[in-house]
Amino acid sequence: MLEVAYTPIGIVHSPFRNPEGTPIQSVVAWDTEAVVEIFPEYAEGLKDLDEFSHIYILFHLHLARGKPLTVIPFLDTKPHGVFATRSPARPNSIGLSVVMLEKITDNILYIKNIDILDGSPVLDIKPYISQVDAFETLKNGWFGENIYKMDQQKDDGRFK
């Protein structure tokens, strides 16, 4: 099989230095501010991105270790296939997050609601467009059973 390699286009500067204590999803990282530094040679690609309120950030999970095919995810006690979870331990260490874009100054993106570790290499950025990216969810798999637990921990401030 052909090997695939990526060159980072930037780096995340966030308050989260360790996996412990980092929010597990951006939806519960309200008002957590960070910046994404896009390398100068890619800055031209930021044109018109500031017209969007939210963006996808695809990044390398640089501290993820192991590549198990089954994991026990947060909020559950049973093992599930890694592709049915959002575990950072994956065959390809690629992360995906939707964050709020506050502003862009030169090659710096000021963002909120971040769940990405400091120093994570950025692989790509795409605009989030609610009319084409938001779907009505018909099934939530094993997670559907745990939504109450998530809401309770979110209210308690323990959802990290």
N, C-alpha and C. Protein backbone atom coordinates (compact mmCIF):
# COMPACT_ATOMS: atom_id res chain seq x y z
N MET A 1 0.86 -1.19 0.00
CA MET A 1 0.00 0.00 0.00
C MET A 1 0.89 1.23 0.00
N LEU A 2 0.47 2.24 -0.72
CA LEU A 2 1.18 3.50 -0.82
C LEU A 2 1.20 4.20 0.53
N GLU A 3 2.36 4.66 0.97
CA GLU A 3 2.45 5.41 2.21
C GLU A 3 1.99 6.84 1.97
N VAL A 4 1.28 7.40 2.93
CA VAL A 4 0.77 8.76 2.82
C VAL A 4 1.49 9.61 3.86
N ALA A 5 1.98 10.76 3.44
CA ALA A 5 2.67 11.67 4.37
C ALA A 5 2.07 13.07 4.21
N TYR A 6 2.01 13.80 5.30
CA TYR A 6 1.48 15.16 5.30
C TYR A 6 2.53 16.11 5.84
N THR A 7 2.48 17.33 5.35
CA THR A 7 3.33 18.40 5.85
C THR A 7 2.43 19.37 6.62
N PRO A 8 2.72 19.61 7.89
CA PRO A 8 1.88 20.54 8.66
C PRO A 8 1.85 21.93 8.03
N ILE A 9 0.68 22.59 8.14
CA ILE A 9 0.52 23.95 7.64
C ILE A 9 0.59 24.97 8.77
N GLY A 10 0.63 24.48 10.01
CA GLY A 10 0.68 25.37 11.15
C GLY A 10 0.76 24.59 12.44
N ILE A 11 0.60 25.31 13.54
CA ILE A 11 0.70 24.71 14.87
C ILE A 11 -0.31 25.37 15.81
N VAL A 12 -0.86 24.58 16.73
CA VAL A 12 -1.82 25.06 17.72
C VAL A 12 -1.07 25.52 18.97
N HIS A 13 -1.45 26.69 19.48
CA HIS A 13 -0.94 27.19 20.75
C HIS A 13 -2.15 27.28 21.68
N SER A 14 -2.28 26.31 22.58
CA SER A 14 -3.46 26.25 23.45
C SER A 14 -3.01 26.17 24.91
N PRO A 15 -3.94 26.37 25.84
CA PRO A 15 -3.58 26.27 27.26
C PRO A 15 -3.41 24.82 27.73
N PHE A 16 -3.71 23.85 26.89
CA PHE A 16 -3.67 22.45 27.31
C PHE A 16 -2.33 21.82 26.95
N ARG A 17 -1.51 21.55 27.96
CA ARG A 17 -0.17 21.01 27.75
C ARG A 17 -0.13 19.49 27.86
N ASN A 18 -1.12 18.91 28.54
CA ASN A 18 -1.17 17.46 28.77
C ASN A 18 -2.56 16.94 28.42
N PRO A 19 -2.64 15.68 28.00
CA PRO A 19 -3.96 15.10 27.72
C PRO A 19 -4.89 15.16 28.94
N GLU A 20 -4.33 14.96 30.14
CA GLU A 20 -5.16 15.01 31.34
C GLU A 20 -5.66 16.44 31.54
N GLY A 21 -6.96 16.57 31.69
CA GLY A 21 -7.56 17.88 31.91
C GLY A 21 -7.97 18.59 30.63
N THR A 22 -7.64 18.03 29.48
CA THR A 22 -8.05 18.62 28.22
C THR A 22 -9.49 18.21 27.93
N PRO A 23 -10.35 19.15 27.56
CA PRO A 23 -11.73 18.77 27.22
C PRO A 23 -11.73 17.71 26.12
N ILE A 24 -12.67 16.77 26.22
CA ILE A 24 -12.68 15.70 25.22
C ILE A 24 -13.44 16.06 23.96
N GLN A 25 -14.15 17.17 23.95
CA GLN A 25 -14.83 17.66 22.76
C GLN A 25 -14.90 19.18 22.86
N SER A 26 -14.87 19.85 21.73
CA SER A 26 -14.88 21.32 21.75
C SER A 26 -16.21 21.88 22.26
N VAL A 27 -17.27 21.13 22.16
CA VAL A 27 -18.59 21.61 22.60
C VAL A 27 -18.62 21.88 24.11
N VAL A 28 -17.71 21.28 24.87
CA VAL A 28 -17.67 21.52 26.31
C VAL A 28 -16.47 22.36 26.72
N ALA A 29 -15.78 22.94 25.76
CA ALA A 29 -14.62 23.77 26.03
C ALA A 29 -14.98 25.25 25.87
N TRP A 30 -16.18 25.62 26.28
CA TRP A 30 -16.68 26.97 26.09
C TRP A 30 -15.69 28.00 26.57
N ASP A 31 -15.49 29.01 25.75
CA ASP A 31 -14.66 30.18 26.06
C ASP A 31 -13.18 29.87 26.27
N THR A 32 -12.74 28.65 26.01
CA THR A 32 -11.32 28.35 26.08
C THR A 32 -10.67 28.93 24.83
N GLU A 33 -9.77 29.87 25.03
CA GLU A 33 -9.16 30.57 23.91
C GLU A 33 -7.80 29.98 23.54
N ALA A 34 -7.48 30.10 22.27
CA ALA A 34 -6.20 29.61 21.77
C ALA A 34 -5.91 30.33 20.46
N VAL A 35 -4.73 30.09 19.94
CA VAL A 35 -4.40 30.61 18.61
C VAL A 35 -3.84 29.48 17.77
N VAL A 36 -4.09 29.60 16.49
CA VAL A 36 -3.48 28.69 15.52
C VAL A 36 -2.58 29.54 14.66
N GLU A 37 -1.31 29.17 14.67
CA GLU A 37 -0.33 29.87 13.84
C GLU A 37 -0.19 29.11 12.53
N ILE A 38 -0.57 29.77 11.46
CA ILE A 38 -0.40 29.18 10.13
C ILE A 38 0.97 29.62 9.62
N PHE A 39 1.73 28.70 9.10
CA PHE A 39 3.06 29.04 8.61
C PHE A 39 2.94 30.02 7.45
N PRO A 40 3.86 30.99 7.38
CA PRO A 40 3.75 32.08 6.38
C PRO A 40 3.52 31.61 4.95
N GLU A 41 4.10 30.51 4.55
CA GLU A 41 3.94 30.06 3.17
C GLU A 41 2.52 29.60 2.85
N TYR A 42 1.67 29.43 3.89
CA TYR A 42 0.28 29.03 3.68
C TYR A 42 -0.71 30.14 4.01
N ALA A 43 -0.23 31.31 4.42
CA ALA A 43 -1.10 32.40 4.87
C ALA A 43 -2.06 32.86 3.78
N GLU A 44 -1.66 32.84 2.54
CA GLU A 44 -2.55 33.26 1.46
C GLU A 44 -3.82 32.42 1.41
N GLY A 45 -3.73 31.18 1.85
CA GLY A 45 -4.89 30.29 1.87
C GLY A 45 -5.95 30.68 2.89
N LEU A 46 -5.65 31.63 3.76
CA LEU A 46 -6.62 32.09 4.76
C LEU A 46 -7.60 33.13 4.21
N LYS A 47 -7.39 33.57 2.98
CA LYS A 47 -8.25 34.59 2.39
C LYS A 47 -9.72 34.15 2.48
N ASP A 48 -10.56 35.02 3.01
CA ASP A 48 -12.01 34.85 3.15
C ASP A 48 -12.43 33.89 4.25
N LEU A 49 -11.49 33.24 4.94
CA LEU A 49 -11.87 32.34 6.03
C LEU A 49 -12.55 33.10 7.16
N ASP A 50 -12.21 34.36 7.34
CA ASP A 50 -12.81 35.16 8.41
C ASP A 50 -14.29 35.45 8.20
N GLU A 51 -14.84 35.02 7.07
CA GLU A 51 -16.27 35.16 6.82
C GLU A 51 -17.09 34.02 7.44
N PHE A 52 -16.42 33.09 8.12
CA PHE A 52 -17.08 31.94 8.75
C PHE A 52 -16.94 32.04 10.27
N SER A 53 -17.98 31.65 10.98
CA SER A 53 -17.93 31.71 12.45
C SER A 53 -17.25 30.48 13.05
N HIS A 54 -17.32 29.35 12.35
CA HIS A 54 -16.74 28.11 12.86
C HIS A 54 -15.90 27.45 11.76
N ILE A 55 -14.88 26.74 12.21
CA ILE A 55 -14.01 26.04 11.27
C ILE A 55 -13.69 24.66 11.79
N TYR A 56 -13.40 23.76 10.87
CA TYR A 56 -12.84 22.46 11.21
C TYR A 56 -11.32 22.60 11.25
N ILE A 57 -10.71 22.00 12.23
CA ILE A 57 -9.25 21.90 12.26
C ILE A 57 -8.92 20.41 12.24
N LEU A 58 -8.16 20.00 11.25
CA LEU A 58 -7.63 18.64 11.20
C LEU A 58 -6.19 18.73 11.68
N PHE A 59 -5.83 17.89 12.62
CA PHE A 59 -4.52 18.01 13.24
C PHE A 59 -3.94 16.63 13.56
N HIS A 60 -2.65 16.63 13.80
CA HIS A 60 -1.96 15.39 14.18
C HIS A 60 -2.01 15.26 15.70
N LEU A 61 -2.47 14.11 16.17
CA LEU A 61 -2.52 13.83 17.61
C LEU A 61 -1.12 13.41 18.04
N HIS A 62 -0.26 14.41 18.23
CA HIS A 62 1.17 14.16 18.40
C HIS A 62 1.55 13.45 19.69
N LEU A 63 0.69 13.43 20.68
CA LEU A 63 1.00 12.73 21.92
C LEU A 63 0.26 11.40 22.07
N ALA A 64 -0.55 11.05 21.09
CA ALA A 64 -1.31 9.79 21.16
C ALA A 64 -0.34 8.61 21.04
N ARG A 65 -0.54 7.64 21.88
CA ARG A 65 0.30 6.44 21.87
C ARG A 65 -0.59 5.22 21.69
N GLY A 66 -0.09 4.24 21.01
CA GLY A 66 -0.83 3.00 20.81
C GLY A 66 -1.81 3.12 19.68
N LYS A 67 -2.12 2.00 19.10
CA LYS A 67 -3.06 1.95 17.98
C LYS A 67 -4.02 0.77 18.14
N PRO A 68 -4.69 0.68 19.29
CA PRO A 68 -5.60 -0.44 19.50
C PRO A 68 -6.82 -0.33 18.59
N LEU A 69 -7.36 -1.46 18.22
CA LEU A 69 -8.56 -1.45 17.38
C LEU A 69 -9.84 -1.51 18.20
N THR A 70 -9.70 -1.81 19.50
CA THR A 70 -10.84 -1.69 20.42
C THR A 70 -10.38 -0.87 21.62
N VAL A 71 -11.27 -0.03 22.11
CA VAL A 71 -10.97 0.84 23.25
C VAL A 71 -12.20 0.93 24.14
N ILE A 72 -11.97 1.30 25.38
CA ILE A 72 -13.08 1.61 26.30
C ILE A 72 -13.14 3.13 26.38
N PRO A 73 -14.13 3.74 25.76
CA PRO A 73 -14.18 5.20 25.71
C PRO A 73 -14.65 5.83 27.01
N PHE A 74 -14.35 7.10 27.13
CA PHE A 74 -14.83 7.91 28.24
C PHE A 74 -16.35 7.78 28.31
N LEU A 75 -16.88 7.68 29.49
CA LEU A 75 -18.31 7.57 29.78
C LEU A 75 -18.88 6.18 29.55
N ASP A 76 -18.04 5.19 29.22
CA ASP A 76 -18.56 3.85 29.03
C ASP A 76 -17.62 2.85 29.70
N THR A 77 -18.10 1.64 29.87
CA THR A 77 -17.28 0.61 30.52
C THR A 77 -17.04 -0.59 29.62
N LYS A 78 -17.61 -0.55 28.41
CA LYS A 78 -17.47 -1.67 27.48
C LYS A 78 -16.55 -1.30 26.33
N PRO A 79 -15.80 -2.28 25.83
CA PRO A 79 -14.95 -1.99 24.67
C PRO A 79 -15.77 -1.83 23.40
N HIS A 80 -15.30 -0.91 22.55
CA HIS A 80 -15.92 -0.64 21.26
C HIS A 80 -14.82 -0.54 20.22
N GLY A 81 -15.15 -0.77 18.97
CA GLY A 81 -14.18 -0.57 17.90
C GLY A 81 -13.74 0.89 17.86
N VAL A 82 -12.46 1.12 17.67
CA VAL A 82 -11.92 2.48 17.71
C VAL A 82 -12.63 3.41 16.74
N PHE A 83 -13.12 2.89 15.61
CA PHE A 83 -13.80 3.73 14.63
C PHE A 83 -15.22 4.11 15.07
N ALA A 84 -15.71 3.51 16.14
CA ALA A 84 -17.00 3.86 16.73
C ALA A 84 -16.81 4.76 17.94
N THR A 85 -15.60 5.30 18.10
CA THR A 85 -15.29 6.19 19.23
C THR A 85 -14.54 7.41 18.71
N ARG A 86 -14.27 8.30 19.62
CA ARG A 86 -13.45 9.47 19.30
C ARG A 86 -12.13 9.41 20.06
N SER A 87 -11.69 8.22 20.37
CA SER A 87 -10.43 8.02 21.08
C SER A 87 -9.27 8.61 20.27
N PRO A 88 -8.30 9.23 20.95
CA PRO A 88 -7.13 9.73 20.23
C PRO A 88 -6.17 8.62 19.80
N ALA A 89 -6.26 7.46 20.40
CA ALA A 89 -5.41 6.33 20.02
C ALA A 89 -6.04 5.65 18.81
N ARG A 90 -5.48 5.93 17.63
CA ARG A 90 -6.08 5.49 16.37
C ARG A 90 -5.00 4.98 15.44
N PRO A 91 -5.34 4.18 14.44
CA PRO A 91 -4.34 3.71 13.49
C PRO A 91 -3.60 4.87 12.80
N ASN A 92 -4.31 5.93 12.46
CA ASN A 92 -3.70 7.16 11.95
C ASN A 92 -4.06 8.26 12.95
N SER A 93 -3.08 8.88 13.51
CA SER A 93 -3.29 9.84 14.60
C SER A 93 -3.78 11.19 14.08
N ILE A 94 -4.99 11.18 13.51
CA ILE A 94 -5.58 12.40 12.96
C ILE A 94 -6.75 12.83 13.84
N GLY A 95 -6.70 14.07 14.28
CA GLY A 95 -7.78 14.64 15.08
C GLY A 95 -8.61 15.60 14.25
N LEU A 96 -9.86 15.78 14.66
CA LEU A 96 -10.79 16.68 14.00
C LEU A 96 -11.55 17.45 15.07
N SER A 97 -11.58 18.75 14.94
CA SER A 97 -12.29 19.57 15.92
C SER A 97 -12.99 20.71 15.21
N VAL A 98 -14.18 21.06 15.70
CA VAL A 98 -14.89 22.24 15.23
C VAL A 98 -14.72 23.31 16.30
N VAL A 99 -14.19 24.47 15.91
CA VAL A 99 -13.95 25.55 16.85
C VAL A 99 -14.57 26.84 16.32
N MET A 100 -14.74 27.80 17.22
CA MET A 100 -15.26 29.11 16.83
C MET A 100 -14.08 29.99 16.42
N LEU A 101 -14.22 30.61 15.26
CA LEU A 101 -13.19 31.52 14.76
C LEU A 101 -13.56 32.94 15.17
N GLU A 102 -12.73 33.54 16.02
CA GLU A 102 -12.99 34.90 16.49
C GLU A 102 -12.49 35.94 15.50
N LYS A 103 -11.23 35.79 15.06
CA LYS A 103 -10.66 36.74 14.10
C LYS A 103 -9.36 36.15 13.55
N ILE A 104 -8.90 36.79 12.49
CA ILE A 104 -7.62 36.42 11.88
C ILE A 104 -6.79 37.69 11.76
N THR A 105 -5.57 37.62 12.22
CA THR A 105 -4.62 38.72 12.06
C THR A 105 -3.38 38.15 11.39
N ASP A 106 -3.15 38.58 10.17
CA ASP A 106 -2.04 38.05 9.37
C ASP A 106 -2.17 36.54 9.25
N ASN A 107 -1.26 35.78 9.84
CA ASN A 107 -1.29 34.32 9.75
C ASN A 107 -1.72 33.67 11.06
N ILE A 108 -2.35 34.44 11.95
CA ILE A 108 -2.76 33.94 13.27
C ILE A 108 -4.28 33.88 13.34
N LEU A 109 -4.81 32.70 13.67
CA LEU A 109 -6.25 32.52 13.88
C LEU A 109 -6.51 32.54 15.38
N TYR A 110 -7.41 33.39 15.80
CA TYR A 110 -7.81 33.45 17.21
C TYR A 110 -9.11 32.66 17.31
N ILE A 111 -9.07 31.62 18.15
CA ILE A 111 -10.20 30.70 18.20
C ILE A 111 -10.67 30.50 19.64
N LYS A 112 -11.89 29.98 19.77
CA LYS A 112 -12.47 29.64 21.07
C LYS A 112 -13.05 28.24 21.00
N ASN A 113 -13.29 27.68 22.18
CA ASN A 113 -13.91 26.36 22.33
C ASN A 113 -12.98 25.27 21.79
N ILE A 114 -11.74 25.32 22.22
CA ILE A 114 -10.74 24.40 21.68
C ILE A 114 -10.54 23.21 22.61
N ASP A 115 -10.34 22.06 22.00
CA ASP A 115 -10.06 20.83 22.74
C ASP A 115 -8.79 20.17 22.20
N ILE A 116 -7.85 20.99 21.74
CA ILE A 116 -6.63 20.49 21.09
C ILE A 116 -5.42 20.82 21.95
N LEU A 117 -4.52 19.88 22.06
CA LEU A 117 -3.31 20.08 22.86
C LEU A 117 -2.36 21.09 22.24
N ASP A 118 -1.67 21.81 23.10
CA ASP A 118 -0.64 22.75 22.68
C ASP A 118 0.44 22.01 21.88
N GLY A 119 0.87 22.62 20.80
CA GLY A 119 1.92 22.03 19.98
C GLY A 119 1.44 21.06 18.92
N SER A 120 0.12 20.86 18.83
CA SER A 120 -0.40 19.94 17.81
C SER A 120 -0.17 20.51 16.42
N PRO A 121 0.42 19.73 15.53
CA PRO A 121 0.60 20.18 14.16
C PRO A 121 -0.75 20.22 13.42
N VAL A 122 -1.01 21.32 12.72
CA VAL A 122 -2.25 21.48 11.96
C VAL A 122 -2.02 20.92 10.56
N LEU A 123 -2.92 20.03 10.12
CA LEU A 123 -2.83 19.42 8.80
C LEU A 123 -3.69 20.14 7.76
N ASP A 124 -4.84 20.66 8.20
CA ASP A 124 -5.74 21.33 7.26
C ASP A 124 -6.78 22.11 8.06
N ILE A 125 -7.41 23.06 7.39
CA ILE A 125 -8.50 23.85 7.94
C ILE A 125 -9.58 23.91 6.87
N LYS A 126 -10.83 23.78 7.31
CA LYS A 126 -11.96 23.88 6.39
C LYS A 126 -13.07 24.66 7.08
N PRO A 127 -13.86 25.40 6.33
CA PRO A 127 -14.97 26.12 6.96
C PRO A 127 -16.08 25.14 7.36
N TYR A 128 -16.70 25.42 8.49
CA TYR A 128 -17.89 24.68 8.91
C TYR A 128 -19.08 25.44 8.34
N ILE A 129 -19.93 24.74 7.60
CA ILE A 129 -21.10 25.35 6.97
C ILE A 129 -22.33 24.58 7.45
N SER A 130 -23.11 25.20 8.30
CA SER A 130 -24.22 24.48 8.95
C SER A 130 -25.20 23.90 7.95
N GLN A 131 -25.42 24.56 6.83
CA GLN A 131 -26.40 24.07 5.86
C GLN A 131 -25.97 22.76 5.20
N VAL A 132 -24.70 22.47 5.18
CA VAL A 132 -24.24 21.22 4.56
C VAL A 132 -23.54 20.29 5.55
N ASP A 133 -23.15 20.80 6.72
CA ASP A 133 -22.41 19.97 7.68
C ASP A 133 -23.25 19.44 8.83
N ALA A 134 -24.41 20.00 9.07
CA ALA A 134 -25.25 19.57 10.19
C ALA A 134 -26.33 18.62 9.68
N PHE A 135 -26.36 17.45 10.24
CA PHE A 135 -27.36 16.45 9.87
C PHE A 135 -28.21 16.11 11.08
N GLU A 136 -29.44 15.78 10.85
CA GLU A 136 -30.26 15.26 11.93
C GLU A 136 -29.75 13.87 12.27
N THR A 137 -29.45 13.66 13.53
CA THR A 137 -28.93 12.38 13.96
C THR A 137 -30.06 11.39 14.17
N LEU A 138 -29.95 10.25 13.53
CA LEU A 138 -30.98 9.21 13.66
C LEU A 138 -30.58 8.15 14.68
N LYS A 139 -29.26 7.92 14.80
CA LYS A 139 -28.77 6.95 15.77
C LYS A 139 -27.48 7.48 16.38
N ASN A 140 -27.29 7.24 17.67
CA ASN A 140 -26.07 7.65 18.36
C ASN A 140 -25.30 6.46 18.92
N GLY A 141 -25.60 5.26 18.44
CA GLY A 141 -24.85 4.09 18.87
C GLY A 141 -24.76 3.96 20.37
N TRP A 142 -23.63 3.44 20.83
CA TRP A 142 -23.42 3.23 22.27
C TRP A 142 -23.45 4.56 23.03
N PHE A 143 -23.09 5.65 22.37
CA PHE A 143 -23.04 6.94 23.05
C PHE A 143 -24.42 7.42 23.48
N GLY A 144 -25.43 7.06 22.73
CA GLY A 144 -26.79 7.46 23.08
C GLY A 144 -27.19 7.06 24.48
N GLU A 145 -26.68 5.92 24.92
CA GLU A 145 -26.96 5.46 26.29
C GLU A 145 -26.24 6.31 27.33
N ASN A 146 -25.23 7.05 26.93
CA ASN A 146 -24.39 7.78 27.87
C ASN A 146 -24.58 9.30 27.82
N ILE A 147 -25.52 9.78 27.02
CA ILE A 147 -25.71 11.22 26.89
C ILE A 147 -26.09 11.84 28.23
N TYR A 148 -26.92 11.14 29.02
CA TYR A 148 -27.29 11.67 30.33
C TYR A 148 -26.05 11.86 31.19
N LYS A 149 -25.14 10.87 31.18
CA LYS A 149 -23.91 10.97 31.97
C LYS A 149 -23.09 12.18 31.52
N MET A 150 -23.01 12.40 30.21
CA MET A 150 -22.25 13.53 29.68
C MET A 150 -22.86 14.84 30.14
N ASP A 151 -24.18 14.98 30.02
CA ASP A 151 -24.84 16.21 30.45
C ASP A 151 -24.63 16.46 31.93
N GLN A 152 -24.71 15.41 32.74
CA GLN A 152 -24.53 15.55 34.17
C GLN A 152 -23.11 16.01 34.49
N GLN A 153 -22.12 15.41 33.85
CA GLN A 153 -20.73 15.79 34.09
C GLN A 153 -20.42 17.17 33.54
N LYS A 154 -21.05 17.52 32.44
CA LYS A 154 -20.88 18.87 31.87
C LYS A 154 -21.39 19.90 32.86
N ASP A 155 -22.56 19.66 33.46
CA ASP A 155 -23.14 20.57 34.44
C ASP A 155 -22.26 20.67 35.68
N ASP A 156 -21.61 19.57 36.05
CA ASP A 156 -20.74 19.54 37.23
C ASP A 156 -19.36 20.12 36.95
N GLY A 157 -19.05 20.43 35.68
CA GLY A 157 -17.74 20.91 35.31
C GLY A 157 -16.69 19.81 35.25
N ARG A 158 -17.14 18.56 35.22
CA ARG A 158 -16.21 17.42 35.20
C ARG A 158 -16.00 16.84 33.82
N PHE A 159 -16.60 17.41 32.81
CA PHE A 159 -16.54 16.84 31.47
C PHE A 159 -15.27 17.31 30.77
N LYS A 160 -14.17 16.71 31.17
CA LYS A 160 -12.87 17.01 30.57
C LYS A 160 -12.09 15.74 30.45
